[in-house]
Amino acid sequence: SRPHKQDPVKSRSEGANFNNWERHLPRILKPLQASVWNRLTSFLQTRNIKRILLVPTRSLQMLPLHACQLADGRYVSDCFEVVYLPGLATLRIPPSIATKNQKTLLVYNPTQDLVFSELEGRMLQKQINGRLTCLCGDEATKSRLLRAATDCSCWHFSGHAHFDAEDPLNSALVLRLANPTFQPNWLTLREIFCRLRMSRAPVVIVNGCA
């Protein structure tokens, strides 16, 4: 018989493979401190560089590189502004991308339980130029998202995500309640490939933790 699946959104503090990650993180990051950050920090500080753009690949994408501790006890994020990029190609997108013809789709805090997602959405509403469609809370349904994404040129999602190790295409952006009972209402990776039409969208930002 198949093992019982845990709640995909609930904290995995009871899972044997996940409950000690925070305790072991300093040990995992320590080799990076010695081989990379100590020397790199000295180089950057002598040149008064305050901002670092990181493009981690493969397993490095899973690590909070900004949380590496330096020789003086401080963390990388204490010394620099750290920005993560999915690839260097994103730097080619002009900062003037926001124009009066742009339509932005902003989906945030659909489960209504993320304080900082709510704050993120409200801050973005003040910053975005052009036409803006906001879907928040109960308004952030799958059908509305699929319709609104059709002709948007920028889409920003902030909320929960779910990773399904047994069926990766069933991994999803969590919409409505963060409860497995409502999983049919979530937007799965399979549906993103098959149903989401974003021919005009040069920029997609997904801020979702699994």
C-alpha atoms as a PDB file:
ATOM      1  CA  SER A   1       0.000   0.000   0.000  1.00  0.00           C
ATOM      2  CA  ARG A   2       1.110   3.561  -0.639  1.00  0.00           C
ATOM      3  CA  PRO A   3       2.362   5.519   2.376  1.00  0.00           C
ATOM      4  CA  HIS A   4       0.038   8.127   3.828  1.00  0.00           C
ATOM      5  CA  LYS A   5       0.631  11.554   2.305  1.00  0.00           C
ATOM      6  CA  GLN A   6       1.266  14.448   4.642  1.00  0.00           C
ATOM      7  CA  ASP A   7      -0.611  17.716   4.414  1.00  0.00           C
ATOM      8  CA  PRO A   8       1.290  19.408   1.521  1.00  0.00           C
ATOM      9  CA  VAL A   9       0.963  22.930   2.926  1.00  0.00           C
ATOM     10  CA  LYS A  10       1.206  22.263   6.630  1.00  0.00           C
ATOM     11  CA  SER A  11       4.601  22.581   8.303  1.00  0.00           C
ATOM     12  CA  ARG A  12       6.638  19.395   7.926  1.00  0.00           C
ATOM     13  CA  SER A  13       7.963  19.474  11.479  1.00  0.00           C
ATOM     14  CA  GLU A  14       6.871  15.857  11.896  1.00  0.00           C
ATOM     15  CA  GLY A  15       8.684  14.637   8.778  1.00  0.00           C
ATOM     16  CA  ALA A  16      11.954  12.856   9.511  1.00  0.00           C
ATOM     17  CA  ASN A  17      13.634  14.240   6.374  1.00  0.00           C
ATOM     18  CA  PHE A  18      12.740  17.886   6.953  1.00  0.00           C
ATOM     19  CA  ASN A  19      12.514  18.647  10.654  1.00  0.00           C
ATOM     20  CA  ASN A  20      16.243  19.233  11.226  1.00  0.00           C
ATOM     21  CA  TRP A  21      17.134  21.359   8.217  1.00  0.00           C
ATOM     22  CA  GLU A  22      17.390  24.603  10.171  1.00  0.00           C
ATOM     23  CA  ARG A  23      19.614  23.047  12.817  1.00  0.00           C
ATOM     24  CA  HIS A  24      21.945  21.563  10.187  1.00  0.00           C
ATOM     25  CA  LEU A  25      22.005  24.616   7.920  1.00  0.00           C
ATOM     26  CA  PRO A  26      25.097  26.286   9.470  1.00  0.00           C
ATOM     27  CA  ARG A  27      27.085  23.057   8.945  1.00  0.00           C
ATOM     28  CA  ILE A  28      25.890  22.795   5.341  1.00  0.00           C
ATOM     29  CA  LEU A  29      26.804  26.401   4.579  1.00  0.00           C
ATOM     30  CA  LYS A  30      30.172  26.377   6.383  1.00  0.00           C
ATOM     31  CA  PRO A  31      32.221  25.121   3.369  1.00  0.00           C
ATOM     32  CA  LEU A  32      30.925  28.087   1.375  1.00  0.00           C
ATOM     33  CA  GLN A  33      32.095  30.431   4.105  1.00  0.00           C
ATOM     34  CA  ALA A  34      35.655  29.196   3.905  1.00  0.00           C
ATOM     35  CA  SER A  35      35.958  28.664   0.160  1.00  0.00           C
ATOM     36  CA  VAL A  36      33.919  31.597  -1.162  1.00  0.00           C
ATOM     37  CA  TRP A  37      32.494  34.213   1.149  1.00  0.00           C
ATOM     38  CA  ASN A  38      35.450  35.154   3.337  1.00  0.00           C
ATOM     39  CA  ARG A  39      37.670  35.998   0.357  1.00  0.00           C
ATOM     40  CA  LEU A  40      34.847  37.424  -1.735  1.00  0.00           C
ATOM     41  CA  THR A  41      33.620  39.674   1.075  1.00  0.00           C
ATOM     42  CA  SER A  42      37.046  41.238   1.505  1.00  0.00           C
ATOM     43  CA  PHE A  43      37.288  41.845  -2.256  1.00  0.00           C
ATOM     44  CA  LEU A  44      33.823  43.450  -2.445  1.00  0.00           C
ATOM     45  CA  GLN A  45      34.229  45.654   0.613  1.00  0.00           C
ATOM     46  CA  THR A  46      37.530  47.118  -0.582  1.00  0.00           C
ATOM     47  CA  ARG A  47      35.627  48.234  -3.699  1.00  0.00           C
ATOM     48  CA  ASN A  48      32.659  49.553  -1.713  1.00  0.00           C
ATOM     49  CA  ILE A  49      30.252  47.137  -3.403  1.00  0.00           C
ATOM     50  CA  LYS A  50      26.991  46.902  -1.459  1.00  0.00           C
ATOM     51  CA  ARG A  51      24.765  44.849  -3.739  1.00  0.00           C
ATOM     52  CA  ILE A  52      25.268  41.260  -4.942  1.00  0.00           C
ATOM     53  CA  LEU A  53      23.336  39.525  -7.695  1.00  0.00           C
ATOM     54  CA  LEU A  54      23.333  35.745  -7.293  1.00  0.00           C
ATOM     55  CA  VAL A  55      22.381  33.226  -9.988  1.00  0.00           C
ATOM     56  CA  PRO A  56      22.582  29.865  -8.179  1.00  0.00           C
ATOM     57  CA  THR A  57      22.267  26.672 -10.200  1.00  0.00           C
ATOM     58  CA  ARG A  58      21.305  23.078  -9.449  1.00  0.00           C
ATOM     59  CA  SER A  59      21.338  22.199  -5.732  1.00  0.00           C
ATOM     60  CA  LEU A  60      22.613  25.661  -4.789  1.00  0.00           C
ATOM     61  CA  GLN A  61      19.150  26.973  -5.617  1.00  0.00           C
ATOM     62  CA  MET A  62      17.890  25.216  -2.492  1.00  0.00           C
ATOM     63  CA  LEU A  63      20.253  27.013  -0.113  1.00  0.00           C
ATOM     64  CA  PRO A  64      19.849  30.458   1.478  1.00  0.00           C
ATOM     65  CA  LEU A  65      23.285  31.658   0.389  1.00  0.00           C
ATOM     66  CA  HIS A  66      22.710  35.033   2.041  1.00  0.00           C
ATOM     67  CA  ALA A  67      22.594  33.211   5.418  1.00  0.00           C
ATOM     68  CA  CYS A  68      26.241  32.146   5.275  1.00  0.00           C
ATOM     69  CA  GLN A  69      28.083  33.293   8.379  1.00  0.00           C
ATOM     70  CA  LEU A  70      31.308  35.221   7.896  1.00  0.00           C
ATOM     71  CA  ALA A  71      34.507  34.999   9.921  1.00  0.00           C
ATOM     72  CA  ASP A  72      33.550  38.019  12.070  1.00  0.00           C
ATOM     73  CA  GLY A  73      30.211  36.445  13.055  1.00  0.00           C
ATOM     74  CA  ARG A  74      28.055  38.546  10.764  1.00  0.00           C
ATOM     75  CA  TYR A  75      25.973  37.089   7.952  1.00  0.00           C
ATOM     76  CA  VAL A  76      26.266  37.882   4.250  1.00  0.00           C
ATOM     77  CA  SER A  77      22.887  39.637   4.358  1.00  0.00           C
ATOM     78  CA  ASP A  78      24.219  41.902   7.146  1.00  0.00           C
ATOM     79  CA  CYS A  79      26.924  43.233   4.833  1.00  0.00           C
ATOM     80  CA  PHE A  80      25.254  43.293   1.415  1.00  0.00           C
ATOM     81  CA  GLU A  81      21.952  43.622  -0.319  1.00  0.00           C
ATOM     82  CA  VAL A  82      21.509  40.166  -1.865  1.00  0.00           C
ATOM     83  CA  VAL A  83      19.346  39.680  -4.958  1.00  0.00           C
ATOM     84  CA  TYR A  84      18.594  36.278  -6.489  1.00  0.00           C
ATOM     85  CA  LEU A  85      18.069  35.977 -10.241  1.00  0.00           C
ATOM     86  CA  PRO A  86      16.778  32.981 -12.215  1.00  0.00           C
ATOM     87  CA  GLY A  87      19.301  33.746 -14.967  1.00  0.00           C
ATOM     88  CA  LEU A  88      21.482  36.541 -16.298  1.00  0.00           C
ATOM     89  CA  ALA A  89      19.098  37.006 -19.215  1.00  0.00           C
ATOM     90  CA  THR A  90      16.682  38.786 -16.882  1.00  0.00           C
ATOM     91  CA  LEU A  91      19.154  41.663 -16.655  1.00  0.00           C
ATOM     92  CA  ARG A  92      18.448  42.391 -20.310  1.00  0.00           C
ATOM     93  CA  ILE A  93      14.839  43.319 -19.543  1.00  0.00           C
ATOM     94  CA  PRO A  94      14.757  47.139 -19.618  1.00  0.00           C
ATOM     95  CA  PRO A  95      13.686  48.909 -16.421  1.00  0.00           C
ATOM     96  CA  SER A  96      11.246  50.965 -18.493  1.00  0.00           C
ATOM     97  CA  ILE A  97       9.120  47.895 -19.144  1.00  0.00           C
ATOM     98  CA  ALA A  98       6.209  49.474 -17.237  1.00  0.00           C
ATOM     99  CA  THR A  99       4.333  51.574 -19.796  1.00  0.00           C
ATOM    100  CA  LYS A 100       0.779  52.771 -20.198  1.00  0.00           C
ATOM    101  CA  ASN A 101       0.099  49.803 -22.513  1.00  0.00           C
ATOM    102  CA  GLN A 102       1.285  47.228 -20.012  1.00  0.00           C
ATOM    103  CA  LYS A 103      -1.200  45.059 -18.181  1.00  0.00           C
ATOM    104  CA  THR A 104      -0.016  43.529 -14.922  1.00  0.00           C
ATOM    105  CA  LEU A 105      -1.681  40.648 -13.121  1.00  0.00           C
ATOM    106  CA  LEU A 106      -1.026  40.660  -9.384  1.00  0.00           C
ATOM    107  CA  VAL A 107      -2.109  37.592  -7.400  1.00  0.00           C
ATOM    108  CA  TYR A 108      -1.291  37.753  -3.699  1.00  0.00           C
ATOM    109  CA  ASN A 109      -2.258  36.075  -0.432  1.00  0.00           C
ATOM    110  CA  PRO A 110      -4.997  33.913  -1.974  1.00  0.00           C
ATOM    111  CA  THR A 111      -5.227  31.843   1.216  1.00  0.00           C
ATOM    112  CA  GLN A 112      -5.535  34.944   3.432  1.00  0.00           C
ATOM    113  CA  ASP A 113      -3.042  33.656   5.986  1.00  0.00           C
ATOM    114  CA  LEU A 114       0.207  35.322   4.856  1.00  0.00           C
ATOM    115  CA  VAL A 115       0.782  38.727   6.432  1.00  0.00           C
ATOM    116  CA  PHE A 116       3.866  39.541   4.406  1.00  0.00           C
ATOM    117  CA  SER A 117       2.266  38.411   1.150  1.00  0.00           C
ATOM    118  CA  GLU A 118      -0.533  40.887   1.884  1.00  0.00           C
ATOM    119  CA  LEU A 119       2.040  43.611   2.516  1.00  0.00           C
ATOM    120  CA  GLU A 120       3.923  42.668  -0.654  1.00  0.00           C
ATOM    121  CA  GLY A 121       0.749  42.964  -2.731  1.00  0.00           C
ATOM    122  CA  ARG A 122      -0.211  46.350  -1.333  1.00  0.00           C
ATOM    123  CA  MET A 123       3.286  47.732  -1.826  1.00  0.00           C
ATOM    124  CA  LEU A 124       3.367  46.520  -5.437  1.00  0.00           C
ATOM    125  CA  GLN A 125       0.028  48.162  -6.188  1.00  0.00           C
ATOM    126  CA  LYS A 126       1.617  51.519  -5.356  1.00  0.00           C
ATOM    127  CA  GLN A 127       4.643  50.852  -7.569  1.00  0.00           C
ATOM    128  CA  ILE A 128       3.098  49.372 -10.712  1.00  0.00           C
ATOM    129  CA  ASN A 129       2.310  51.634 -13.638  1.00  0.00           C
ATOM    130  CA  GLY A 130      -0.182  50.912 -16.385  1.00  0.00           C
ATOM    131  CA  ARG A 131      -3.253  48.687 -16.153  1.00  0.00           C
ATOM    132  CA  LEU A 132      -3.421  46.473 -13.097  1.00  0.00           C
ATOM    133  CA  THR A 133      -5.586  43.471 -12.251  1.00  0.00           C
ATOM    134  CA  CYS A 134      -5.443  42.374  -8.602  1.00  0.00           C
ATOM    135  CA  LEU A 135      -6.652  39.005  -7.361  1.00  0.00           C
ATOM    136  CA  CYS A 136      -6.468  38.565  -3.613  1.00  0.00           C
ATOM    137  CA  GLY A 137      -8.140  36.221  -1.146  1.00  0.00           C
ATOM    138  CA  ASP A 138     -11.363  34.659  -2.403  1.00  0.00           C
ATOM    139  CA  GLU A 139     -11.045  36.583  -5.684  1.00  0.00           C
ATOM    140  CA  ALA A 140      -7.922  34.597  -6.600  1.00  0.00           C
ATOM    141  CA  THR A 141      -9.705  31.631  -8.162  1.00  0.00           C
ATOM    142  CA  LYS A 142      -8.222  29.398 -10.820  1.00  0.00           C
ATOM    143  CA  SER A 143     -10.729  30.443 -13.498  1.00  0.00           C
ATOM    144  CA  ARG A 144     -10.166  34.164 -12.891  1.00  0.00           C
ATOM    145  CA  LEU A 145      -6.401  33.739 -12.913  1.00  0.00           C
ATOM    146  CA  LEU A 146      -6.446  31.822 -16.202  1.00  0.00           C
ATOM    147  CA  ARG A 147      -8.647  34.481 -17.836  1.00  0.00           C
ATOM    148  CA  ALA A 148      -6.681  37.456 -16.553  1.00  0.00           C
ATOM    149  CA  ALA A 149      -3.322  35.974 -17.529  1.00  0.00           C
ATOM    150  CA  THR A 150      -4.253  35.716 -21.199  1.00  0.00           C
ATOM    151  CA  ASP A 151      -3.286  39.245 -22.213  1.00  0.00           C
ATOM    152  CA  CYS A 152      -1.099  40.375 -19.305  1.00  0.00           C
ATOM    153  CA  SER A 153       2.473  41.431 -19.944  1.00  0.00           C
ATOM    154  CA  CYS A 154       3.614  40.864 -16.372  1.00  0.00           C
ATOM    155  CA  TRP A 155       2.368  38.363 -13.782  1.00  0.00           C
ATOM    156  CA  HIS A 156       3.327  38.392 -10.105  1.00  0.00           C
ATOM    157  CA  PHE A 157       2.232  35.630  -7.711  1.00  0.00           C
ATOM    158  CA  SER A 158       2.807  35.725  -3.954  1.00  0.00           C
ATOM    159  CA  GLY A 159       1.441  32.906  -1.811  1.00  0.00           C
ATOM    160  CA  HIS A 160       1.787  29.267  -0.828  1.00  0.00           C
ATOM    161  CA  ALA A 161       3.064  26.587  -3.201  1.00  0.00           C
ATOM    162  CA  HIS A 162       2.931  22.802  -3.046  1.00  0.00           C
ATOM    163  CA  PHE A 163       5.558  20.353  -4.293  1.00  0.00           C
ATOM    164  CA  ASP A 164       4.476  16.806  -5.133  1.00  0.00           C
ATOM    165  CA  ALA A 165       7.557  14.560  -5.193  1.00  0.00           C
ATOM    166  CA  GLU A 166       5.572  11.574  -6.485  1.00  0.00           C
ATOM    167  CA  ASP A 167       3.954  13.501  -9.345  1.00  0.00           C
ATOM    168  CA  PRO A 168       5.914  16.731 -10.022  1.00  0.00           C
ATOM    169  CA  LEU A 169       3.363  17.933 -12.588  1.00  0.00           C
ATOM    170  CA  ASN A 170       0.842  17.925  -9.758  1.00  0.00           C
ATOM    171  CA  SER A 171       2.894  20.546  -7.908  1.00  0.00           C
ATOM    172  CA  ALA A 172       0.808  23.662  -7.620  1.00  0.00           C
ATOM    173  CA  LEU A 173       0.292  27.291  -6.698  1.00  0.00           C
ATOM    174  CA  VAL A 174      -2.106  27.192  -3.776  1.00  0.00           C
ATOM    175  CA  LEU A 175      -5.348  29.104  -4.369  1.00  0.00           C
ATOM    176  CA  ARG A 176      -8.185  29.508  -1.898  1.00  0.00           C
ATOM    177  CA  LEU A 177      -7.689  27.602   1.341  1.00  0.00           C
ATOM    178  CA  ALA A 178      -4.363  25.942   2.096  1.00  0.00           C
ATOM    179  CA  ASN A 179      -6.048  22.626   2.762  1.00  0.00           C
ATOM    180  CA  PRO A 180      -5.784  19.408   0.706  1.00  0.00           C
ATOM    181  CA  THR A 181      -9.600  19.361   0.490  1.00  0.00           C
ATOM    182  CA  PHE A 182      -9.370  22.367  -1.821  1.00  0.00           C
ATOM    183  CA  GLN A 183      -6.511  20.983  -3.928  1.00  0.00           C
ATOM    184  CA  PRO A 184      -8.698  20.764  -7.102  1.00  0.00           C
ATOM    185  CA  ASN A 185      -8.895  24.566  -6.926  1.00  0.00           C
ATOM    186  CA  TRP A 186      -5.119  25.007  -7.006  1.00  0.00           C
ATOM    187  CA  LEU A 187      -3.226  25.781 -10.213  1.00  0.00           C
ATOM    188  CA  THR A 188      -0.995  22.796 -10.950  1.00  0.00           C
ATOM    189  CA  LEU A 189       2.137  22.740 -13.075  1.00  0.00           C
ATOM    190  CA  ARG A 190       0.285  20.449 -15.467  1.00  0.00           C
ATOM    191  CA  GLU A 191      -2.404  23.125 -15.927  1.00  0.00           C
ATOM    192  CA  ILE A 192       0.215  25.838 -16.332  1.00  0.00           C
ATOM    193  CA  PHE A 193       1.667  23.888 -19.257  1.00  0.00           C
ATOM    194  CA  CYS A 194      -1.691  22.972 -20.802  1.00  0.00           C
ATOM    195  CA  ARG A 195      -4.106  25.784 -19.951  1.00  0.00           C
ATOM    196  CA  LEU A 196      -2.192  28.931 -19.095  1.00  0.00           C
ATOM    197  CA  ARG A 197      -1.803  31.176 -22.145  1.00  0.00           C
ATOM    198  CA  MET A 198       0.653  34.023 -21.612  1.00  0.00           C
ATOM    199  CA  SER A 199       1.873  34.922 -25.073  1.00  0.00           C
ATOM    200  CA  ARG A 200       2.439  38.570 -24.113  1.00  0.00           C
ATOM    201  CA  ALA A 201       4.118  38.052 -20.742  1.00  0.00           C
ATOM    202  CA  PRO A 202       7.866  38.800 -20.777  1.00  0.00           C
ATOM    203  CA  VAL A 203       8.047  38.811 -16.964  1.00  0.00           C
ATOM    204  CA  VAL A 204       6.679  36.211 -14.526  1.00  0.00           C
ATOM    205  CA  ILE A 205       7.491  36.351 -10.808  1.00  0.00           C
ATOM    206  CA  VAL A 206       6.470  33.468  -8.558  1.00  0.00           C
ATOM    207  CA  ASN A 207       7.079  34.022  -4.868  1.00  0.00           C
ATOM    208  CA  GLY A 208       5.763  30.795  -3.356  1.00  0.00           C
ATOM    209  CA  CYS A 209       7.203  28.553  -0.652  1.00  0.00           C
ATOM    210  CA  ALA A 210       6.476  24.823  -0.688  1.00  0.00           C
END
